[in-house]
């Protein structure tokens, strides 16, 4: 194990680009989403540590984006939707007032990628979905520290990311991977026996596969412990999110898939664990709150005081752990399979899942139909070329095919269901 390549994320290595004195300069991508808003809360509470130079968002919440820009006094605002630029400019004018100069506006599908390469110390990629790949690559190529909350960009573009990232340049922001990152600081790579990734089990923990056939969108969106966007929340209900995290852990820490275990922990207090060769297991635990992992991503190797709540150890609590029900939730096993295939297989898995989640939300697929359809798409894709020659066009082509095929299969399912009811 000690002779294998250096892992992408290593708590023992600190990558620190020289960008001047004063508070650490940040660019926040996906600023109006769950990760972005919590990161901004952290920044506003720690002005001596951080300052934000640029923000980007898709454009669905221009009022909030303008408010963030004014609060942080950023120099640039990026928005993916060019059609909302007039509304954004109007919202910025309302925030800043007459006569005060507005921040520069960068618009279009490449806005986040452009800002990821702009002058700063750290880029927080909080975008949801594989559209975060280009900004991830841009930040790495520009030499920025990458606080990575966009797991999809690593999963679909693993070899591309690994080719660009320097030792210590990526700091994971997922709660599970931030936990592993911190626990791994206790030993060397040769000391590690196993990574244990925890899962809350989502809203359907304990239900059988047959039970899941009838669940509704509203039930799938009712996560018991975390408040997240709809796609991530449904991914947590299917446990696709956990499957993606297994692939991410493999890529970040260079640990083989057979030494990465998933265990269900409903309380979501222990965010993940590392088992060492001497039999010791180190667990990282906090109450469920993403500001802790965000603070690790933005502040490492320093910790940010009072970034998130701590436990009150004077109160009794019960922590439970259960094995994963692989029959009801086959997504983790399928994710391991596509992770081992490598190449474009993870991109196909992720893209097909994104399409199927939207189909489920629209009522075009039943809940179990998500993974059934994704499995078919992955099987039809077959064994991809090896990942060493992967290119961005390869990833985009595979995603385009997977999305189209998932839509075709969904349409077939819709038709079949309609005929069965007739």
Protein backbone atom coordinates (compact mmCIF):
# COMPACT_ATOMS: atom_id res chain seq x y z
CA UNK A 1 0.00 0.00 0.00
CA UNK A 2 2.84 2.42 0.71
CA UNK A 3 4.11 1.95 -2.86
CA UNK A 4 0.82 3.01 -4.47
CA UNK A 5 0.27 6.56 -5.83
CA UNK A 6 -0.33 9.39 -3.37
CA UNK A 7 -4.06 9.82 -2.59
CA UNK A 8 -5.90 12.91 -3.83
CA UNK A 9 -6.85 13.92 -0.28
CA UNK A 10 -4.21 13.52 2.42
CA UNK A 11 -4.51 15.33 5.78
CA UNK A 12 -0.73 15.10 6.23
CA UNK A 13 -0.06 17.21 3.13
CA UNK A 14 -0.85 20.92 2.94
CA UNK A 15 -1.09 22.66 -0.43
CA UNK A 16 -0.95 26.42 0.12
CA UNK A 17 -0.84 28.72 -2.91
CA UNK A 18 0.70 32.11 -2.19
CA UNK A 19 -1.96 34.75 -2.90
CA UNK A 20 -1.10 37.58 -0.50
CA UNK A 21 -1.72 38.40 3.14
CA UNK A 22 -4.94 38.87 5.07
CA UNK A 23 -8.09 36.74 5.17
CA UNK A 24 -8.12 33.72 2.86
CA UNK A 25 -9.69 34.66 -0.49
CA UNK A 26 -12.53 32.35 -1.56
CA UNK A 27 -14.67 31.73 -4.61
CA UNK A 28 -17.99 30.02 -3.85
CA UNK A 29 -19.67 28.09 -6.66
CA UNK A 30 -23.31 27.20 -6.11
CA UNK A 31 -23.70 29.99 -3.56
CA UNK A 32 -27.51 29.92 -3.35
CA UNK A 33 -27.68 26.17 -2.66
CA UNK A 34 -27.48 24.37 0.65
CA UNK A 35 -23.66 24.17 0.79
CA UNK A 36 -23.20 27.70 -0.51
CA UNK A 37 -25.56 29.37 1.95
CA UNK A 38 -23.99 27.58 4.91
CA UNK A 39 -20.50 28.47 3.70
CA UNK A 40 -21.51 32.13 3.51
CA UNK A 41 -22.86 31.94 7.06
CA UNK A 42 -19.45 30.63 8.15
CA UNK A 43 -17.61 33.39 6.27
CA UNK A 44 -19.77 36.16 7.71
CA UNK A 45 -19.06 34.87 11.21
CA UNK A 46 -15.31 34.77 10.54
CA UNK A 47 -14.36 37.92 8.59
CA UNK A 48 -10.83 37.81 10.01
CA UNK A 49 -10.27 34.40 8.39
CA UNK A 50 -12.13 34.53 5.08
CA UNK A 51 -13.22 36.93 2.36
CA UNK A 52 -15.19 36.04 -0.76
CA UNK A 53 -14.09 37.48 -4.09
CA UNK A 54 -16.68 35.85 -6.37
CA UNK A 55 -19.96 33.95 -6.27
CA UNK A 56 -21.73 31.84 -8.86
CA UNK A 57 -25.16 30.25 -9.04
CA UNK A 58 -27.48 28.76 -11.61
CA UNK A 59 -29.81 31.78 -11.56
CA UNK A 60 -33.01 30.50 -10.01
CA UNK A 61 -32.70 32.75 -6.92
CA UNK A 62 -31.36 36.08 -8.17
CA UNK A 63 -32.65 37.98 -5.13
CA UNK A 64 -30.66 35.81 -2.75
CA UNK A 65 -27.60 35.94 -5.04
CA UNK A 66 -27.71 39.74 -5.05
CA UNK A 67 -28.10 39.83 -1.27
CA UNK A 68 -25.08 37.54 -0.87
CA UNK A 69 -23.00 39.67 -3.23
CA UNK A 70 -23.83 42.80 -1.23
CA UNK A 71 -23.20 41.18 2.16
CA UNK A 72 -19.80 39.92 1.03
CA UNK A 73 -18.89 42.86 -1.25
CA UNK A 74 -17.68 40.50 -3.95
CA UNK A 75 -16.05 41.80 -7.09
CA UNK A 76 -17.70 39.29 -9.48
CA UNK A 77 -21.03 37.47 -9.67
CA UNK A 78 -21.50 34.56 -12.06
CA UNK A 79 -24.81 33.15 -13.27
CA UNK A 80 -25.33 30.19 -15.59
CA UNK A 81 -28.63 31.44 -17.02
CA UNK A 82 -28.03 34.40 -19.30
CA UNK A 83 -31.77 35.17 -19.40
CA UNK A 84 -31.78 36.25 -15.73
CA UNK A 85 -29.02 38.86 -16.09
CA UNK A 86 -31.49 41.84 -16.27
CA UNK A 87 -33.27 40.61 -13.14
CA UNK A 88 -29.93 40.04 -11.40
CA UNK A 89 -28.71 43.52 -12.28
CA UNK A 90 -31.97 44.98 -10.98
CA UNK A 91 -31.67 43.00 -7.74
CA UNK A 92 -28.04 44.10 -7.30
CA UNK A 93 -29.02 47.75 -7.85
CA UNK A 94 -31.71 47.42 -5.19
CA UNK A 95 -29.15 46.01 -2.74
CA UNK A 96 -26.30 48.43 -3.44
CA UNK A 97 -28.34 51.59 -3.97
CA UNK A 98 -27.98 54.35 -6.51
CA UNK A 99 -24.46 55.48 -7.30
CA UNK A 100 -22.63 52.54 -5.72
CA UNK A 101 -20.69 50.46 -8.26
CA UNK A 102 -22.06 46.97 -8.86
CA UNK A 103 -19.94 43.84 -9.06
CA UNK A 104 -19.03 42.51 -12.48
CA UNK A 105 -21.55 40.01 -13.86
CA UNK A 106 -20.30 36.94 -15.77
CA UNK A 107 -23.10 34.99 -17.45
CA UNK A 108 -23.47 31.77 -19.39
CA UNK A 109 -22.90 28.04 -18.93
CA UNK A 110 -19.14 28.61 -18.47
CA UNK A 111 -19.51 31.29 -15.79
CA UNK A 112 -18.64 28.98 -12.88
CA UNK A 113 -15.68 27.57 -14.78
CA UNK A 114 -14.37 31.07 -15.43
CA UNK A 115 -14.68 32.05 -11.78
CA UNK A 116 -13.07 28.79 -10.62
CA UNK A 117 -9.86 29.91 -12.34
CA UNK A 118 -10.02 33.50 -11.01
CA UNK A 119 -7.59 34.95 -8.47
CA UNK A 120 -8.21 33.39 -5.05
CA UNK A 121 -6.79 30.91 -2.55
CA UNK A 122 -9.63 28.36 -2.34
CA UNK A 123 -12.54 27.44 -4.59
CA UNK A 124 -15.55 25.84 -2.89
CA UNK A 125 -17.36 23.78 -5.51
CA UNK A 126 -20.87 23.42 -4.12
CA UNK A 127 -22.56 22.82 -7.49
CA UNK A 128 -24.88 19.81 -7.70
CA UNK A 129 -24.39 17.34 -10.54
CA UNK A 130 -21.77 16.48 -13.12
CA UNK A 131 -21.87 20.03 -14.52
CA UNK A 132 -19.39 20.69 -11.71
CA UNK A 133 -16.64 18.81 -13.58
CA UNK A 134 -15.42 21.72 -15.71
CA UNK A 135 -15.13 24.11 -12.71
CA UNK A 136 -13.31 21.41 -10.73
CA UNK A 137 -10.75 20.96 -13.50
CA UNK A 138 -10.39 24.73 -13.95
CA UNK A 139 -9.70 25.31 -10.26
CA UNK A 140 -7.08 22.57 -10.15
CA UNK A 141 -5.39 23.70 -13.35
CA UNK A 142 -5.26 27.27 -12.03
CA UNK A 143 -3.52 26.06 -8.87
CA UNK A 144 -6.29 26.82 -6.40
CA UNK A 145 -7.09 24.76 -3.33
CA UNK A 146 -10.31 22.89 -4.14
CA UNK A 147 -12.83 22.45 -1.33
CA UNK A 148 -14.87 19.76 -3.03
CA UNK A 149 -18.54 19.34 -2.21
CA UNK A 150 -19.40 18.40 -5.81
CA UNK A 151 -18.73 14.65 -5.59
CA UNK A 152 -20.08 14.06 -9.10
CA UNK A 153 -17.17 15.86 -10.76
CA UNK A 154 -14.69 13.50 -9.11
CA UNK A 155 -16.79 10.43 -9.81
CA UNK A 156 -17.39 11.07 -13.52
CA UNK A 157 -13.94 12.51 -14.19
CA UNK A 158 -11.74 10.59 -11.75
CA UNK A 159 -8.66 10.11 -14.00
CA UNK A 160 -8.93 13.69 -15.27
CA UNK A 161 -9.03 15.06 -11.73
CA UNK A 162 -6.20 12.79 -10.56
CA UNK A 163 -4.02 13.93 -13.46
CA UNK A 164 -4.34 17.59 -12.47
CA UNK A 165 -4.47 17.56 -8.67
CA UNK A 166 -1.29 18.18 -6.72
CA UNK A 167 -0.71 16.52 -3.32
CA UNK A 168 -2.96 18.17 -0.74
CA UNK A 169 -4.78 20.34 -3.30
CA UNK A 170 -8.23 18.75 -2.74
CA UNK A 171 -10.02 18.99 0.61
CA UNK A 172 -13.30 17.02 0.73
CA UNK A 173 -16.41 18.76 2.03
CA UNK A 174 -18.91 15.86 2.14
CA UNK A 175 -19.58 15.08 5.81
CA UNK A 176 -18.46 11.47 5.31
CA UNK A 177 -15.25 12.33 3.50
CA UNK A 178 -14.38 15.19 5.79
CA UNK A 179 -14.76 12.65 8.61
CA UNK A 180 -12.47 10.14 6.91
CA UNK A 181 -10.01 12.94 6.15
CA UNK A 182 -9.79 13.89 9.83
CA UNK A 183 -9.60 10.29 11.10
CA UNK A 184 -6.86 9.44 8.61
CA UNK A 185 -4.67 12.11 10.19
CA UNK A 186 -4.17 9.69 13.11
CA UNK A 187 -2.03 7.24 11.16
CA UNK A 188 -0.11 6.52 7.99
CA UNK A 189 -1.61 5.00 4.86
CA UNK A 190 0.07 1.71 5.68
CA UNK A 191 -1.80 1.69 9.01
CA UNK A 192 -5.26 1.73 7.36
CA UNK A 193 -7.20 -1.52 7.21
CA UNK A 194 -10.65 -0.28 6.25
CA UNK A 195 -12.76 2.81 5.62
CA UNK A 196 -16.27 2.67 7.10
CA UNK A 197 -18.72 5.08 5.48
CA UNK A 198 -21.85 5.71 7.52
CA UNK A 199 -25.35 6.13 6.08
CA UNK A 200 -28.43 7.43 7.85
CA UNK A 201 -30.49 4.91 5.92
CA UNK A 202 -32.70 7.71 4.61
CA UNK A 203 -36.46 7.93 5.13
CA UNK A 204 -37.03 4.29 4.13
CA UNK A 205 -34.65 2.48 6.48
CA UNK A 206 -36.13 -0.87 7.48
CA UNK A 207 -38.52 -1.13 4.54
CA UNK A 208 -38.40 -4.05 2.17
CA UNK A 209 -38.02 -3.79 -1.59
CA UNK A 210 -41.73 -4.58 -1.94
CA UNK A 211 -42.62 -1.77 0.49
CA UNK A 212 -40.57 0.70 -1.54
CA UNK A 213 -42.60 0.07 -4.71
CA UNK A 214 -45.37 2.34 -3.43
CA UNK A 215 -43.52 5.26 -1.82
CA UNK A 216 -44.30 8.80 -2.95
CA UNK A 217 -42.10 11.72 -3.94
CA UNK A 218 -43.10 13.56 -0.76
CA UNK A 219 -42.00 10.61 1.37
CA UNK A 220 -38.69 10.37 -0.48
CA UNK A 221 -38.03 14.06 0.13
CA UNK A 222 -38.59 13.76 3.89
CA UNK A 223 -35.05 13.00 5.02
CA UNK A 224 -34.90 12.26 8.75
CA UNK A 225 -31.69 14.11 9.62
CA UNK A 226 -30.37 16.34 6.80
CA UNK A 227 -31.86 19.34 4.96
CA UNK A 228 -30.59 19.16 1.37
CA UNK A 229 -31.62 19.87 -2.20
CA UNK A 230 -34.22 17.57 -3.84
CA UNK A 231 -31.79 15.58 -6.02
CA UNK A 232 -29.40 14.81 -3.17
CA UNK A 233 -32.33 14.05 -0.86
CA UNK A 234 -33.80 11.49 -3.25
CA UNK A 235 -30.31 10.07 -3.83
CA UNK A 236 -30.15 9.60 -0.09
CA UNK A 237 -33.51 7.82 -0.13
CA UNK A 238 -32.28 5.35 -2.80
CA UNK A 239 -28.82 5.28 -1.19
CA UNK A 240 -27.33 6.23 -4.56
CA UNK A 241 -25.66 9.03 -2.67
CA UNK A 242 -23.88 6.43 -0.52
CA UNK A 243 -22.82 4.51 -3.60
CA UNK A 244 -21.34 7.69 -5.06
CA UNK A 245 -19.53 8.28 -1.77
CA UNK A 246 -17.97 4.80 -1.93
CA UNK A 247 -16.55 5.64 -5.37
CA UNK A 248 -15.44 9.03 -4.05
CA UNK A 249 -13.69 7.46 -1.06
CA UNK A 250 -11.83 5.08 -3.36
CA UNK A 251 -10.65 7.95 -5.56
CA UNK A 252 -9.82 10.36 -2.73
CA UNK A 253 -7.94 7.96 -0.47
CA UNK A 254 -6.70 5.28 -2.89
CA UNK A 255 -8.26 2.47 -0.83
CA UNK A 256 -9.52 -0.61 -2.75
CA UNK A 257 -13.29 -1.08 -2.97
CA UNK A 258 -13.17 -4.31 -0.95
CA UNK A 259 -11.82 -2.29 1.99
CA UNK A 260 -14.58 0.34 1.94
CA UNK A 261 -17.64 -0.67 3.96
CA UNK A 262 -21.04 1.00 4.35
CA UNK A 263 -22.88 0.80 7.68
CA UNK A 264 -26.27 2.30 8.56
CA UNK A 265 -26.23 4.77 11.46
CA UNK A 266 -29.68 6.43 11.80
CA UNK A 267 -28.63 9.20 14.19
CA UNK A 268 -26.04 10.61 11.73
CA UNK A 269 -23.74 11.49 14.64
CA UNK A 270 -20.75 9.43 13.46
CA UNK A 271 -19.98 10.68 9.97
CA UNK A 272 -17.52 7.93 9.08
CA UNK A 273 -14.76 5.80 10.60
CA UNK A 274 -11.28 4.49 9.84
CA UNK A 275 -10.25 1.05 11.07
CA UNK A 276 -6.49 0.66 11.53
CA UNK A 277 -4.38 -2.47 11.33
CA UNK A 278 -3.94 -2.68 15.11
CA UNK A 279 -7.69 -3.10 15.59
CA UNK A 280 -8.36 0.51 16.58
CA UNK A 281 -11.25 2.36 14.94
CA UNK A 282 -11.37 6.16 14.92
CA UNK A 283 -14.77 7.78 14.44
CA UNK A 284 -15.40 11.45 13.68
CA UNK A 285 -18.61 12.61 15.35
CA UNK A 286 -20.62 15.83 15.54
CA UNK A 287 -24.33 16.65 15.52
CA UNK A 288 -25.63 16.71 11.91
CA UNK A 289 -24.52 20.10 10.55
CA UNK A 290 -22.66 20.72 7.30
CA UNK A 291 -20.88 23.83 8.59
CA UNK A 292 -18.29 21.61 10.26
CA UNK A 293 -17.21 19.86 7.04
CA UNK A 294 -17.35 23.18 5.19
CA UNK A 295 -15.03 24.71 7.78
CA UNK A 296 -12.57 21.85 7.27
CA UNK A 297 -12.67 22.44 3.53
CA UNK A 298 -12.12 26.18 3.79
CA UNK A 299 -9.82 26.39 6.80
CA UNK A 300 -7.55 23.33 6.70
CA UNK A 301 -4.95 22.85 8.18
CA UNK A 302 -6.48 25.21 10.76
CA UNK A 303 -9.77 24.58 12.51
CA UNK A 304 -12.41 27.29 12.69
CA UNK A 305 -13.56 27.80 16.31
CA UNK A 306 -17.29 27.26 16.88
CA UNK A 307 -17.88 26.44 13.21
CA UNK A 308 -20.70 24.06 14.15
CA UNK A 309 -22.48 22.83 17.29
CA UNK A 310 -20.79 20.27 19.56
CA UNK A 311 -22.37 17.49 21.59
CA UNK A 312 -23.73 18.11 25.05
CA UNK A 313 -22.16 15.12 26.78
CA UNK A 314 -24.20 15.72 29.94
CA UNK A 315 -27.27 14.38 28.10
CA UNK A 316 -27.85 10.68 27.45
CA UNK A 317 -28.01 9.52 23.86
CA UNK A 318 -28.13 6.24 21.95
CA UNK A 319 -26.05 5.55 18.84
CA UNK A 320 -27.06 2.61 16.65
CA UNK A 321 -25.35 0.80 13.77
CA UNK A 322 -26.96 -1.67 11.35
CA UNK A 323 -25.80 -3.61 8.29
CA UNK A 324 -26.89 -2.35 4.89
CA UNK A 325 -29.93 -4.06 3.30
CA UNK A 326 -28.49 -4.71 -0.15
CA UNK A 327 -31.73 -6.24 -1.48
CA UNK A 328 -33.85 -3.15 -0.78
CA UNK A 329 -31.01 -0.79 -1.68
CA UNK A 330 -28.93 -2.26 -4.54
CA UNK A 331 -27.43 1.11 -5.45
CA UNK A 332 -24.27 0.72 -3.36
CA UNK A 333 -23.38 -2.59 -4.98
CA UNK A 334 -23.99 -1.17 -8.45
CA UNK A 335 -21.82 1.84 -7.61
CA UNK A 336 -18.97 -0.46 -6.55
CA UNK A 337 -19.34 -2.27 -9.87
CA UNK A 338 -19.13 0.87 -12.01
CA UNK A 339 -16.31 2.21 -9.85
CA UNK A 340 -14.30 -0.92 -10.54
CA UNK A 341 -15.09 -0.71 -14.27
CA UNK A 342 -13.86 2.92 -14.20
CA UNK A 343 -13.56 4.73 -17.54
CA UNK A 344 -16.93 6.23 -18.50
CA UNK A 345 -18.99 3.76 -16.42
CA UNK A 346 -19.31 6.10 -13.38
CA UNK A 347 -20.43 8.93 -15.70
CA UNK A 348 -23.08 6.66 -17.21
CA UNK A 349 -24.28 5.60 -13.74
CA UNK A 350 -24.47 9.19 -12.49
CA UNK A 351 -26.14 10.65 -15.59
CA UNK A 352 -28.73 7.89 -15.82
CA UNK A 353 -29.52 8.34 -12.15
CA UNK A 354 -30.00 12.10 -12.52
CA UNK A 355 -32.48 11.50 -15.35
CA UNK A 356 -34.32 8.82 -13.39
CA UNK A 357 -34.58 11.00 -10.29
CA UNK A 358 -36.22 13.73 -12.37
CA UNK A 359 -38.55 11.15 -13.89
CA UNK A 360 -39.53 9.94 -10.42
CA UNK A 361 -40.16 13.51 -9.27
CA UNK A 362 -42.37 14.02 -12.34
CA UNK A 363 -44.35 10.84 -11.67
CA UNK A 364 -42.97 9.01 -14.70
CA UNK A 365 -41.13 6.32 -12.72
CA UNK A 366 -41.90 4.50 -9.48
CA UNK A 367 -39.30 4.67 -6.75
CA UNK A 368 -37.85 1.21 -7.44
CA UNK A 369 -37.85 2.10 -11.12
CA UNK A 370 -34.99 4.52 -10.52
CA UNK A 371 -32.43 1.82 -9.79
CA UNK A 372 -34.01 -0.70 -12.17
CA UNK A 373 -33.59 1.76 -15.04
CA UNK A 374 -30.10 2.84 -14.00
CA UNK A 375 -29.04 -0.81 -13.83
CA UNK A 376 -30.28 -1.44 -17.35
CA UNK A 377 -28.44 1.60 -18.70
CA UNK A 378 -25.21 0.50 -17.00
CA UNK A 379 -25.59 -3.05 -18.35
CA UNK A 380 -26.20 -1.80 -21.89
CA UNK A 381 -23.18 0.47 -21.66
CA UNK A 382 -21.02 -2.59 -21.08
CA UNK A 383 -17.34 -2.53 -20.15
CA UNK A 384 -15.78 0.85 -20.98
CA UNK A 385 -12.26 1.59 -22.11
CA UNK A 386 -9.71 1.91 -19.32
CA UNK A 387 -9.75 5.16 -17.42
CA UNK A 388 -6.16 6.11 -18.19
CA UNK A 389 -7.12 7.53 -21.59
CA UNK A 390 -10.33 9.24 -20.46
CA UNK A 391 -11.04 12.69 -21.92
CA UNK A 392 -13.69 15.32 -21.20
CA UNK A 393 -15.37 14.61 -24.58
CA UNK A 394 -15.51 10.92 -23.60
CA UNK A 395 -17.34 11.81 -20.39
CA UNK A 396 -19.76 14.17 -22.14
CA UNK A 397 -20.53 11.64 -24.87
CA UNK A 398 -21.16 8.89 -22.33
CA UNK A 399 -23.41 11.14 -20.28
CA UNK A 400 -25.40 12.22 -23.34
CA UNK A 401 -25.96 8.60 -24.33
CA UNK A 402 -26.89 7.57 -20.78
CA UNK A 403 -29.41 10.39 -20.38
CA UNK A 404 -31.05 9.62 -23.73
CA UNK A 405 -31.22 5.90 -23.00
CA UNK A 406 -32.63 6.50 -19.51
CA UNK A 407 -35.36 8.70 -21.01
CA UNK A 408 -36.19 6.01 -23.59
CA UNK A 409 -36.46 3.32 -20.92
CA UNK A 410 -38.55 5.62 -18.73
CA UNK A 411 -40.96 6.24 -21.60
CA UNK A 412 -41.27 2.49 -22.11
CA UNK A 413 -42.03 2.03 -18.40
CA UNK A 414 -44.65 4.78 -18.49
CA UNK A 415 -46.34 3.21 -21.51
CA UNK A 416 -46.29 -0.26 -19.97
CA UNK A 417 -47.78 1.03 -16.72
CA UNK A 418 -50.52 2.86 -18.58
CA UNK A 419 -51.41 -0.25 -20.58
CA UNK A 420 -51.49 -2.33 -17.38
CA UNK A 421 -53.97 0.10 -15.83
CA UNK A 422 -56.18 0.21 -18.93
